Amino acid sequence: MARTAQKPDEDALFSPVLLPNPHHPHGWPLSMMVSSQTEARHNRALWAPTHLISIRAPDTKLLSMIDLPEDRHLPLIFGDTMDPEDRDAARLPAITAAFAFIDGLPADARLLVHCLRGIGRSTALTLGILARYMDPDAAAAALHALRPDAKPNRHVVGLCDTALGLKGKLAKQALRFPAKVWKPAKA
C-alpha cells in the first residue's frame, strides 16, 4: 500500500508567540518563522507562509522563492554589514517599512522572515518585530525559541532599537546571541 504525504499542520509550524495580542491593529498573534533563503526556498511548499519579508543585499537575486501577491511580500534590500557607514548598510526607512508591513497583517497571517546568505539580518529584524509587542528580554527569549541559532546583525538590531525608542535595551539583548540554552536575563 502506497503512503501519501500528509500536509503538516501550519498552526504547528507557525505557533503564535502571543495570544492575545491587543497591541497589533488586527490582533496578529505573532505567528511567524525566521530562516535563510535556502531554507525558505527548500521548504516553501511545506511551510506555506501567507506573508513574506525577504531581505537581500543590493545586486543579488531571490532565487525561485515563494509566490505571493505583491501586497503580501515585502522585499528589503540591504547588506549584512555591521558598519553603518557602508553604502549597503541597512537604513532606518527599511525598518519602518517592515514595521508598517507588520501593522497591515491580518490576525490569521503566517509570516516568514528570511534573508539571503545567512540569518543575521532576518533574526535581527525578527527581534525588532517581537520587541514591538513585548519587553526586550521577552522578545529575545521569543527569538531564541523561534531560532535557537540566531545571530542577529547588531546594526539592524540597533536600527530597530532606535525605531522603537528602547535606548539600547534591545541591542543589549542581541549581545546574548548565539546561545545554546536561553537563560532569563539577570535583573
N, C-alpha and C. Protein backbone atom coordinates (compact mmCIF):
# COMPACT_ATOMS: atom_id res chain seq x y z
N MET A 1 0.84 -1.18 0.00
CA MET A 1 0.00 0.00 0.00
C MET A 1 0.88 1.24 0.00
N ALA A 2 0.65 2.13 -0.93
CA ALA A 2 1.45 3.35 -1.04
C ALA A 2 1.03 4.34 0.05
N ARG A 3 2.00 5.00 0.61
CA ARG A 3 1.73 6.03 1.61
C ARG A 3 1.67 7.38 0.92
N THR A 4 0.76 8.18 1.34
CA THR A 4 0.66 9.53 0.79
C THR A 4 1.21 10.51 1.80
N ALA A 5 1.88 11.52 1.30
CA ALA A 5 2.44 12.55 2.18
C ALA A 5 1.30 13.38 2.75
N GLN A 6 1.38 13.64 4.01
CA GLN A 6 0.38 14.48 4.64
C GLN A 6 0.93 15.88 4.79
N LYS A 7 0.07 16.84 4.57
CA LYS A 7 0.46 18.23 4.75
C LYS A 7 0.53 18.51 6.25
N PRO A 8 1.62 19.11 6.72
CA PRO A 8 1.72 19.37 8.15
C PRO A 8 0.71 20.43 8.59
N ASP A 9 0.45 20.45 9.84
CA ASP A 9 -0.45 21.44 10.42
C ASP A 9 0.29 22.78 10.44
N GLU A 10 -0.17 23.73 9.61
CA GLU A 10 0.50 25.03 9.54
C GLU A 10 0.52 25.73 10.89
N ASP A 11 -0.52 25.49 11.69
CA ASP A 11 -0.57 26.12 13.00
C ASP A 11 0.58 25.64 13.88
N ALA A 12 1.01 24.39 13.69
CA ALA A 12 2.14 23.88 14.48
C ALA A 12 3.44 24.53 14.01
N LEU A 13 3.56 24.78 12.71
CA LEU A 13 4.77 25.41 12.18
C LEU A 13 4.84 26.88 12.58
N PHE A 14 3.71 27.55 12.54
CA PHE A 14 3.64 28.97 12.83
C PHE A 14 2.92 29.18 14.17
N SER A 15 3.47 28.60 15.21
CA SER A 15 2.84 28.73 16.53
C SER A 15 2.82 30.19 16.95
N PRO A 16 1.68 30.68 17.41
CA PRO A 16 1.60 32.07 17.85
C PRO A 16 2.52 32.32 19.05
N VAL A 17 3.20 33.44 19.05
CA VAL A 17 4.06 33.82 20.16
C VAL A 17 3.21 34.46 21.26
N LEU A 18 2.21 35.22 20.87
CA LEU A 18 1.33 35.91 21.83
C LEU A 18 -0.14 35.60 21.55
N LEU A 19 -0.84 35.25 22.57
CA LEU A 19 -2.30 35.13 22.49
C LEU A 19 -2.87 35.73 23.74
N PRO A 20 -3.68 36.69 23.71
CA PRO A 20 -3.98 37.53 22.55
C PRO A 20 -2.90 38.61 22.37
N ASN A 21 -3.02 39.37 21.30
CA ASN A 21 -2.09 40.48 21.05
C ASN A 21 -2.91 41.75 20.79
N PRO A 22 -3.37 42.39 21.84
CA PRO A 22 -4.21 43.58 21.65
C PRO A 22 -3.44 44.79 21.12
N HIS A 23 -2.11 44.73 21.07
CA HIS A 23 -1.32 45.87 20.61
C HIS A 23 -1.16 45.92 19.09
N HIS A 24 -1.52 44.84 18.40
CA HIS A 24 -1.45 44.83 16.94
C HIS A 24 -2.79 45.34 16.40
N PRO A 25 -2.77 46.16 15.33
CA PRO A 25 -4.03 46.71 14.80
C PRO A 25 -5.09 45.66 14.48
N HIS A 26 -4.67 44.43 14.11
CA HIS A 26 -5.63 43.39 13.74
C HIS A 26 -5.55 42.19 14.69
N GLY A 27 -4.81 42.33 15.79
CA GLY A 27 -4.70 41.25 16.76
C GLY A 27 -3.76 40.12 16.34
N TRP A 28 -2.91 40.35 15.33
CA TRP A 28 -2.00 39.31 14.86
C TRP A 28 -1.19 38.76 16.04
N PRO A 29 -1.22 37.44 16.28
CA PRO A 29 -0.57 36.86 17.45
C PRO A 29 0.91 36.52 17.27
N LEU A 30 1.57 37.12 16.29
CA LEU A 30 2.98 36.86 16.01
C LEU A 30 3.21 35.42 15.58
N SER A 31 2.41 34.94 14.65
CA SER A 31 2.61 33.61 14.07
C SER A 31 3.66 33.76 12.98
N MET A 32 4.90 33.37 13.32
CA MET A 32 5.99 33.65 12.40
C MET A 32 7.10 32.62 12.49
N MET A 33 7.91 32.61 11.44
CA MET A 33 9.13 31.81 11.36
C MET A 33 10.22 32.71 10.82
N VAL A 34 11.47 32.32 11.08
CA VAL A 34 12.62 33.08 10.58
C VAL A 34 13.62 32.09 10.01
N SER A 35 14.17 32.41 8.83
CA SER A 35 15.05 31.46 8.15
C SER A 35 16.01 32.15 7.21
N SER A 36 16.85 31.32 6.59
CA SER A 36 17.69 31.78 5.48
C SER A 36 16.90 31.59 4.19
N GLN A 37 17.39 32.15 3.10
CA GLN A 37 16.71 31.97 1.81
C GLN A 37 16.73 30.52 1.38
N THR A 38 17.84 29.84 1.61
CA THR A 38 17.93 28.44 1.20
C THR A 38 16.87 27.61 1.91
N GLU A 39 16.72 27.80 3.21
CA GLU A 39 15.69 27.07 3.95
C GLU A 39 14.30 27.43 3.43
N ALA A 40 14.07 28.71 3.20
CA ALA A 40 12.76 29.15 2.71
C ALA A 40 12.46 28.55 1.34
N ARG A 41 13.46 28.53 0.48
CA ARG A 41 13.27 28.00 -0.87
C ARG A 41 12.98 26.50 -0.83
N HIS A 42 13.73 25.77 -0.01
CA HIS A 42 13.55 24.32 0.07
C HIS A 42 12.26 23.91 0.77
N ASN A 43 11.76 24.76 1.66
CA ASN A 43 10.58 24.40 2.46
C ASN A 43 9.34 25.21 2.11
N ARG A 44 9.37 25.91 0.98
CA ARG A 44 8.27 26.82 0.66
C ARG A 44 6.92 26.12 0.58
N ALA A 45 6.85 24.95 0.03
CA ALA A 45 5.56 24.25 -0.07
C ALA A 45 5.13 23.73 1.30
N LEU A 46 6.06 23.22 2.04
CA LEU A 46 5.76 22.70 3.38
C LEU A 46 5.32 23.80 4.33
N TRP A 47 6.06 24.91 4.34
CA TRP A 47 5.77 25.98 5.28
C TRP A 47 4.54 26.79 4.88
N ALA A 48 4.38 27.05 3.62
CA ALA A 48 3.22 27.79 3.08
C ALA A 48 2.88 29.06 3.87
N PRO A 49 3.83 30.00 3.96
CA PRO A 49 3.50 31.25 4.66
C PRO A 49 2.47 32.04 3.87
N THR A 50 1.73 32.86 4.59
CA THR A 50 0.77 33.73 3.91
C THR A 50 1.39 35.08 3.59
N HIS A 51 2.46 35.44 4.32
CA HIS A 51 3.15 36.72 4.14
C HIS A 51 4.65 36.49 4.26
N LEU A 52 5.40 37.34 3.58
CA LEU A 52 6.85 37.12 3.48
C LEU A 52 7.59 38.45 3.54
N ILE A 53 8.66 38.48 4.32
CA ILE A 53 9.62 39.58 4.27
C ILE A 53 10.94 38.96 3.82
N SER A 54 11.43 39.42 2.67
CA SER A 54 12.69 38.92 2.09
C SER A 54 13.75 40.01 2.19
N ILE A 55 14.88 39.67 2.76
CA ILE A 55 15.99 40.62 2.87
C ILE A 55 17.13 40.11 2.01
N ARG A 56 17.63 41.00 1.16
CA ARG A 56 18.79 40.64 0.33
C ARG A 56 19.66 41.86 0.11
N ALA A 57 20.89 41.60 -0.22
CA ALA A 57 21.84 42.68 -0.48
C ALA A 57 21.61 43.25 -1.88
N PRO A 58 22.04 44.50 -2.09
CA PRO A 58 21.97 45.05 -3.45
C PRO A 58 22.73 44.14 -4.43
N ASP A 59 22.26 44.09 -5.65
CA ASP A 59 22.88 43.30 -6.71
C ASP A 59 22.82 41.79 -6.49
N THR A 60 21.87 41.34 -5.69
CA THR A 60 21.62 39.90 -5.54
C THR A 60 20.18 39.64 -5.93
N LYS A 61 19.86 38.36 -6.19
CA LYS A 61 18.51 38.00 -6.62
C LYS A 61 17.93 36.94 -5.70
N LEU A 62 16.62 37.01 -5.53
CA LEU A 62 15.91 35.93 -4.85
C LEU A 62 15.71 34.82 -5.86
N LEU A 63 16.09 33.63 -5.50
CA LEU A 63 16.01 32.50 -6.42
C LEU A 63 14.76 31.67 -6.15
N SER A 64 13.92 31.54 -7.14
CA SER A 64 12.70 30.72 -7.10
C SER A 64 12.05 30.69 -5.72
N MET A 65 11.59 31.84 -5.31
CA MET A 65 11.02 31.95 -3.98
C MET A 65 9.52 31.68 -3.99
N ILE A 66 8.94 31.84 -2.84
CA ILE A 66 7.52 31.63 -2.61
C ILE A 66 6.73 32.66 -3.41
N ASP A 67 5.76 32.19 -4.17
CA ASP A 67 4.92 33.09 -4.97
C ASP A 67 3.78 33.62 -4.11
N LEU A 68 3.82 34.90 -3.85
CA LEU A 68 2.77 35.57 -3.10
C LEU A 68 2.43 36.87 -3.82
N PRO A 69 1.20 37.33 -3.68
CA PRO A 69 0.87 38.63 -4.27
C PRO A 69 1.75 39.74 -3.68
N GLU A 70 1.95 40.78 -4.44
CA GLU A 70 2.82 41.89 -4.01
C GLU A 70 2.47 42.45 -2.65
N ASP A 71 1.18 42.52 -2.34
CA ASP A 71 0.78 43.11 -1.06
C ASP A 71 1.07 42.19 0.13
N ARG A 72 1.53 40.97 -0.15
CA ARG A 72 1.87 40.02 0.91
C ARG A 72 3.36 39.74 1.00
N HIS A 73 4.14 40.43 0.19
CA HIS A 73 5.59 40.22 0.15
C HIS A 73 6.31 41.56 0.23
N LEU A 74 7.11 41.72 1.25
CA LEU A 74 7.91 42.94 1.39
C LEU A 74 9.37 42.61 1.14
N PRO A 75 9.93 43.04 0.01
CA PRO A 75 11.36 42.87 -0.22
C PRO A 75 12.13 44.05 0.38
N LEU A 76 13.16 43.75 1.14
CA LEU A 76 14.04 44.78 1.70
C LEU A 76 15.43 44.55 1.15
N ILE A 77 16.09 45.63 0.75
CA ILE A 77 17.41 45.49 0.13
C ILE A 77 18.44 46.24 0.96
N PHE A 78 19.27 45.46 1.68
CA PHE A 78 20.42 45.99 2.40
C PHE A 78 21.36 44.84 2.74
N GLY A 79 22.63 45.16 2.87
CA GLY A 79 23.65 44.14 3.09
C GLY A 79 23.75 43.69 4.54
N ASP A 80 24.56 42.65 4.73
CA ASP A 80 24.75 42.07 6.06
C ASP A 80 25.96 42.68 6.76
N THR A 81 26.15 43.96 6.56
CA THR A 81 27.26 44.66 7.19
C THR A 81 26.83 45.21 8.55
N MET A 82 27.79 45.34 9.43
CA MET A 82 27.51 45.96 10.73
C MET A 82 28.06 47.38 10.79
N ASP A 83 28.64 47.81 9.68
CA ASP A 83 29.19 49.16 9.60
C ASP A 83 28.11 50.10 9.06
N PRO A 84 27.60 51.00 9.90
CA PRO A 84 26.52 51.89 9.44
C PRO A 84 26.95 52.82 8.31
N GLU A 85 28.26 52.99 8.11
CA GLU A 85 28.75 53.86 7.04
C GLU A 85 28.87 53.14 5.70
N ASP A 86 28.76 51.81 5.71
CA ASP A 86 28.84 51.03 4.48
C ASP A 86 27.68 51.43 3.57
N ARG A 87 27.93 51.57 2.29
CA ARG A 87 26.89 52.01 1.35
C ARG A 87 25.73 51.01 1.28
N ASP A 88 25.98 49.74 1.60
CA ASP A 88 24.93 48.72 1.56
C ASP A 88 24.28 48.46 2.92
N ALA A 89 24.65 49.23 3.93
CA ALA A 89 24.11 49.01 5.28
C ALA A 89 22.61 49.30 5.33
N ALA A 90 21.95 48.62 6.23
CA ALA A 90 20.53 48.88 6.47
C ALA A 90 20.34 50.32 6.92
N ARG A 91 19.19 50.89 6.59
CA ARG A 91 18.84 52.25 6.99
C ARG A 91 17.48 52.21 7.70
N LEU A 92 17.23 53.23 8.49
CA LEU A 92 16.00 53.30 9.27
C LEU A 92 14.72 53.18 8.42
N PRO A 93 14.66 53.74 7.20
CA PRO A 93 13.43 53.57 6.41
C PRO A 93 13.08 52.10 6.12
N ALA A 94 14.07 51.24 6.01
CA ALA A 94 13.78 49.81 5.79
C ALA A 94 13.09 49.22 7.02
N ILE A 95 13.53 49.62 8.19
CA ILE A 95 12.93 49.11 9.42
C ILE A 95 11.50 49.64 9.57
N THR A 96 11.31 50.92 9.30
CA THR A 96 9.96 51.48 9.42
C THR A 96 9.02 50.88 8.37
N ALA A 97 9.55 50.55 7.18
CA ALA A 97 8.73 49.88 6.16
C ALA A 97 8.31 48.50 6.64
N ALA A 98 9.24 47.79 7.27
CA ALA A 98 8.91 46.46 7.80
C ALA A 98 7.85 46.56 8.89
N PHE A 99 7.98 47.54 9.78
CA PHE A 99 7.00 47.71 10.85
C PHE A 99 5.63 48.08 10.28
N ALA A 100 5.60 48.90 9.24
CA ALA A 100 4.33 49.26 8.60
C ALA A 100 3.70 48.02 7.95
N PHE A 101 4.51 47.19 7.33
CA PHE A 101 4.04 45.94 6.73
C PHE A 101 3.41 45.05 7.80
N ILE A 102 4.08 44.94 8.94
CA ILE A 102 3.59 44.13 10.05
C ILE A 102 2.24 44.67 10.54
N ASP A 103 2.10 45.98 10.60
CA ASP A 103 0.84 46.57 11.05
C ASP A 103 -0.33 46.20 10.15
N GLY A 104 -0.07 45.88 8.90
CA GLY A 104 -1.12 45.52 7.97
C GLY A 104 -1.48 44.04 7.96
N LEU A 105 -0.76 43.22 8.71
CA LEU A 105 -1.03 41.79 8.70
C LEU A 105 -2.39 41.48 9.33
N PRO A 106 -3.15 40.57 8.71
CA PRO A 106 -4.41 40.14 9.33
C PRO A 106 -4.12 39.19 10.50
N ALA A 107 -5.12 38.97 11.31
CA ALA A 107 -4.96 38.14 12.51
C ALA A 107 -4.51 36.72 12.18
N ASP A 108 -4.87 36.20 11.01
CA ASP A 108 -4.52 34.82 10.67
C ASP A 108 -3.24 34.71 9.82
N ALA A 109 -2.46 35.77 9.73
CA ALA A 109 -1.24 35.76 8.92
C ALA A 109 -0.20 34.80 9.50
N ARG A 110 0.50 34.13 8.59
CA ARG A 110 1.65 33.30 8.94
C ARG A 110 2.85 33.93 8.22
N LEU A 111 3.68 34.64 8.98
CA LEU A 111 4.78 35.42 8.42
C LEU A 111 6.07 34.63 8.42
N LEU A 112 6.77 34.68 7.30
CA LEU A 112 8.12 34.14 7.19
C LEU A 112 9.05 35.32 6.93
N VAL A 113 10.07 35.48 7.77
CA VAL A 113 11.10 36.48 7.58
C VAL A 113 12.37 35.72 7.20
N HIS A 114 12.93 36.03 6.04
CA HIS A 114 14.15 35.32 5.64
C HIS A 114 15.12 36.30 5.00
N CYS A 115 16.38 35.89 4.96
CA CYS A 115 17.36 36.70 4.25
C CYS A 115 18.30 35.81 3.45
N LEU A 116 18.86 36.39 2.44
CA LEU A 116 19.81 35.72 1.56
C LEU A 116 21.18 35.74 2.23
N ARG A 117 21.83 34.59 2.24
CA ARG A 117 23.18 34.43 2.79
C ARG A 117 23.20 34.60 4.31
N GLY A 118 22.70 33.60 4.99
CA GLY A 118 22.76 33.60 6.44
C GLY A 118 21.45 33.98 7.09
N ILE A 119 21.50 34.20 8.41
CA ILE A 119 20.29 34.54 9.16
C ILE A 119 20.47 35.78 10.02
N GLY A 120 21.56 36.51 9.83
CA GLY A 120 21.83 37.68 10.67
C GLY A 120 20.80 38.78 10.55
N ARG A 121 20.46 39.15 9.34
CA ARG A 121 19.50 40.24 9.15
C ARG A 121 18.08 39.81 9.48
N SER A 122 17.72 38.57 9.10
CA SER A 122 16.36 38.11 9.38
C SER A 122 16.12 37.94 10.88
N THR A 123 17.09 37.44 11.61
CA THR A 123 16.89 37.29 13.06
C THR A 123 16.91 38.65 13.75
N ALA A 124 17.69 39.59 13.24
CA ALA A 124 17.71 40.94 13.82
C ALA A 124 16.36 41.63 13.62
N LEU A 125 15.83 41.56 12.41
CA LEU A 125 14.53 42.18 12.15
C LEU A 125 13.43 41.48 12.96
N THR A 126 13.51 40.18 13.08
CA THR A 126 12.52 39.44 13.87
C THR A 126 12.58 39.87 15.33
N LEU A 127 13.78 40.09 15.85
CA LEU A 127 13.91 40.57 17.22
C LEU A 127 13.22 41.93 17.36
N GLY A 128 13.39 42.80 16.39
CA GLY A 128 12.72 44.10 16.40
C GLY A 128 11.21 43.98 16.33
N ILE A 129 10.73 43.06 15.49
CA ILE A 129 9.28 42.85 15.38
C ILE A 129 8.73 42.37 16.71
N LEU A 130 9.39 41.42 17.33
CA LEU A 130 8.95 40.90 18.63
C LEU A 130 8.95 42.00 19.69
N ALA A 131 9.96 42.85 19.64
CA ALA A 131 10.09 43.91 20.66
C ALA A 131 9.02 44.98 20.54
N ARG A 132 8.29 45.00 19.46
CA ARG A 132 7.16 45.94 19.34
C ARG A 132 6.03 45.53 20.27
N TYR A 133 5.99 44.27 20.66
CA TYR A 133 4.85 43.74 21.41
C TYR A 133 5.20 43.20 22.79
N MET A 134 6.47 43.19 23.14
CA MET A 134 6.88 42.69 24.46
C MET A 134 8.19 43.36 24.84
N ASP A 135 8.56 43.28 26.11
CA ASP A 135 9.79 43.94 26.53
C ASP A 135 10.99 43.24 25.89
N PRO A 136 12.15 43.91 25.82
CA PRO A 136 13.31 43.35 25.14
C PRO A 136 13.76 41.98 25.65
N ASP A 137 13.68 41.75 26.96
CA ASP A 137 14.06 40.43 27.50
C ASP A 137 13.15 39.35 26.94
N ALA A 138 11.84 39.59 26.97
CA ALA A 138 10.88 38.61 26.47
C ALA A 138 11.02 38.44 24.95
N ALA A 139 11.30 39.52 24.24
CA ALA A 139 11.49 39.44 22.79
C ALA A 139 12.70 38.56 22.46
N ALA A 140 13.78 38.73 23.20
CA ALA A 140 14.98 37.92 22.97
C ALA A 140 14.70 36.46 23.27
N ALA A 141 13.99 36.19 24.34
CA ALA A 141 13.63 34.80 24.67
C ALA A 141 12.75 34.20 23.58
N ALA A 142 11.80 34.98 23.06
CA ALA A 142 10.93 34.51 21.98
C ALA A 142 11.73 34.23 20.71
N LEU A 143 12.70 35.10 20.39
CA LEU A 143 13.55 34.87 19.22
C LEU A 143 14.32 33.58 19.41
N HIS A 144 14.86 33.36 20.60
CA HIS A 144 15.60 32.13 20.86
C HIS A 144 14.71 30.91 20.66
N ALA A 145 13.44 31.01 21.06
CA ALA A 145 12.52 29.90 20.87
C ALA A 145 12.22 29.67 19.39
N LEU A 146 12.14 30.76 18.62
CA LEU A 146 11.88 30.65 17.18
C LEU A 146 13.10 30.16 16.42
N ARG A 147 14.27 30.62 16.85
CA ARG A 147 15.51 30.31 16.11
C ARG A 147 16.67 30.23 17.10
N PRO A 148 16.90 29.08 17.73
CA PRO A 148 17.94 28.97 18.76
C PRO A 148 19.34 29.38 18.29
N ASP A 149 19.63 29.20 17.00
CA ASP A 149 20.95 29.57 16.49
C ASP A 149 21.00 30.99 15.94
N ALA A 150 20.10 31.85 16.40
CA ALA A 150 20.04 33.23 15.92
C ALA A 150 21.37 33.94 16.12
N LYS A 151 21.71 34.75 15.14
CA LYS A 151 22.90 35.60 15.20
C LYS A 151 22.51 36.97 14.69
N PRO A 152 21.74 37.73 15.46
CA PRO A 152 21.20 39.00 14.96
C PRO A 152 22.30 39.99 14.56
N ASN A 153 22.14 40.53 13.38
CA ASN A 153 23.05 41.58 12.90
C ASN A 153 22.92 42.78 13.84
N ARG A 154 24.01 43.16 14.47
CA ARG A 154 23.98 44.20 15.51
C ARG A 154 23.54 45.57 14.96
N HIS A 155 23.90 45.86 13.73
CA HIS A 155 23.50 47.15 13.15
C HIS A 155 21.98 47.20 12.95
N VAL A 156 21.41 46.12 12.41
CA VAL A 156 19.96 46.08 12.19
C VAL A 156 19.23 46.13 13.53
N VAL A 157 19.74 45.42 14.53
CA VAL A 157 19.13 45.49 15.87
C VAL A 157 19.19 46.93 16.39
N GLY A 158 20.31 47.61 16.18
CA GLY A 158 20.43 49.00 16.62
C GLY A 158 19.40 49.90 15.97
N LEU A 159 19.12 49.67 14.69
CA LEU A 159 18.09 50.45 13.99
C LEU A 159 16.70 50.16 14.57
N CYS A 160 16.43 48.89 14.87
CA CYS A 160 15.15 48.53 15.49
C CYS A 160 15.04 49.18 16.86
N ASP A 161 16.13 49.15 17.61
CA ASP A 161 16.20 49.77 18.93
C ASP A 161 15.86 51.26 18.82
N THR A 162 16.44 51.93 17.84
CA THR A 162 16.18 53.35 17.62
C THR A 162 14.72 53.59 17.23
N ALA A 163 14.22 52.79 16.28
CA ALA A 163 12.84 52.95 15.81
C ALA A 163 11.84 52.76 16.94
N LEU A 164 12.17 51.89 17.88
CA LEU A 164 11.26 51.59 18.99
C LEU A 164 11.50 52.45 20.22
N GLY A 165 12.56 53.28 20.17
CA GLY A 165 12.87 54.14 21.32
C GLY A 165 13.28 53.37 22.56
N LEU A 166 13.99 52.26 22.37
CA LEU A 166 14.36 51.41 23.50
C LEU A 166 15.70 51.77 24.15
N LYS A 167 16.38 52.76 23.63
CA LYS A 167 17.59 53.30 24.24
C LYS A 167 18.65 52.24 24.57
N GLY A 168 18.88 51.33 23.61
CA GLY A 168 19.93 50.33 23.77
C GLY A 168 19.52 49.04 24.44
N LYS A 169 18.30 48.94 24.93
CA LYS A 169 17.85 47.73 25.62
C LYS A 169 17.78 46.52 24.69
N LEU A 170 17.35 46.73 23.46
CA LEU A 170 17.29 45.64 22.50
C LEU A 170 18.69 45.23 22.06
N ALA A 171 19.54 46.22 21.83
CA ALA A 171 20.93 45.94 21.45
C ALA A 171 21.64 45.13 22.53
N LYS A 172 21.34 45.42 23.78
CA LYS A 172 21.93 44.67 24.90
C LYS A 172 21.50 43.20 24.83
N GLN A 173 20.24 42.96 24.50
CA GLN A 173 19.76 41.58 24.38
C GLN A 173 20.42 40.86 23.21
N ALA A 174 20.68 41.57 22.13
CA ALA A 174 21.30 40.94 20.95
C ALA A 174 22.69 40.42 21.26
N LEU A 175 23.35 41.01 22.24
CA LEU A 175 24.69 40.56 22.63
C LEU A 175 24.67 39.16 23.25
N ARG A 176 23.51 38.69 23.66
CA ARG A 176 23.38 37.38 24.28
C ARG A 176 23.33 36.24 23.26
N PHE A 177 23.30 36.56 21.99
CA PHE A 177 23.23 35.55 20.92
C PHE A 177 24.60 35.37 20.30
N PRO A 178 24.88 34.18 19.77
CA PRO A 178 24.08 32.97 19.81
C PRO A 178 24.18 32.31 21.19
N ALA A 179 23.15 31.57 21.56
CA ALA A 179 23.12 30.88 22.84
C ALA A 179 22.46 29.52 22.66
N LYS A 180 23.12 28.46 23.12
CA LYS A 180 22.54 27.12 23.01
C LYS A 180 21.36 26.96 23.95
N VAL A 181 21.48 27.52 25.15
CA VAL A 181 20.41 27.45 26.13
C VAL A 181 20.08 28.89 26.52
N TRP A 182 18.80 29.19 26.60
CA TRP A 182 18.40 30.55 26.95
C TRP A 182 18.11 30.64 28.43
N LYS A 183 18.78 31.57 29.08
CA LYS A 183 18.54 31.80 30.50
C LYS A 183 17.96 33.21 30.64
N PRO A 184 16.98 33.37 31.53
CA PRO A 184 16.42 34.71 31.74
C PRO A 184 17.51 35.71 32.10
N ALA A 185 17.36 36.94 31.65
CA ALA A 185 18.32 37.98 31.95
C ALA A 185 18.30 38.27 33.45
N LYS A 186 19.45 38.58 33.99
CA LYS A 186 19.53 38.95 35.40
C LYS A 186 19.03 40.39 35.57
N ALA A 187 18.28 40.59 36.61
CA ALA A 187 17.70 41.91 36.86
C ALA A 187 18.75 42.91 37.29
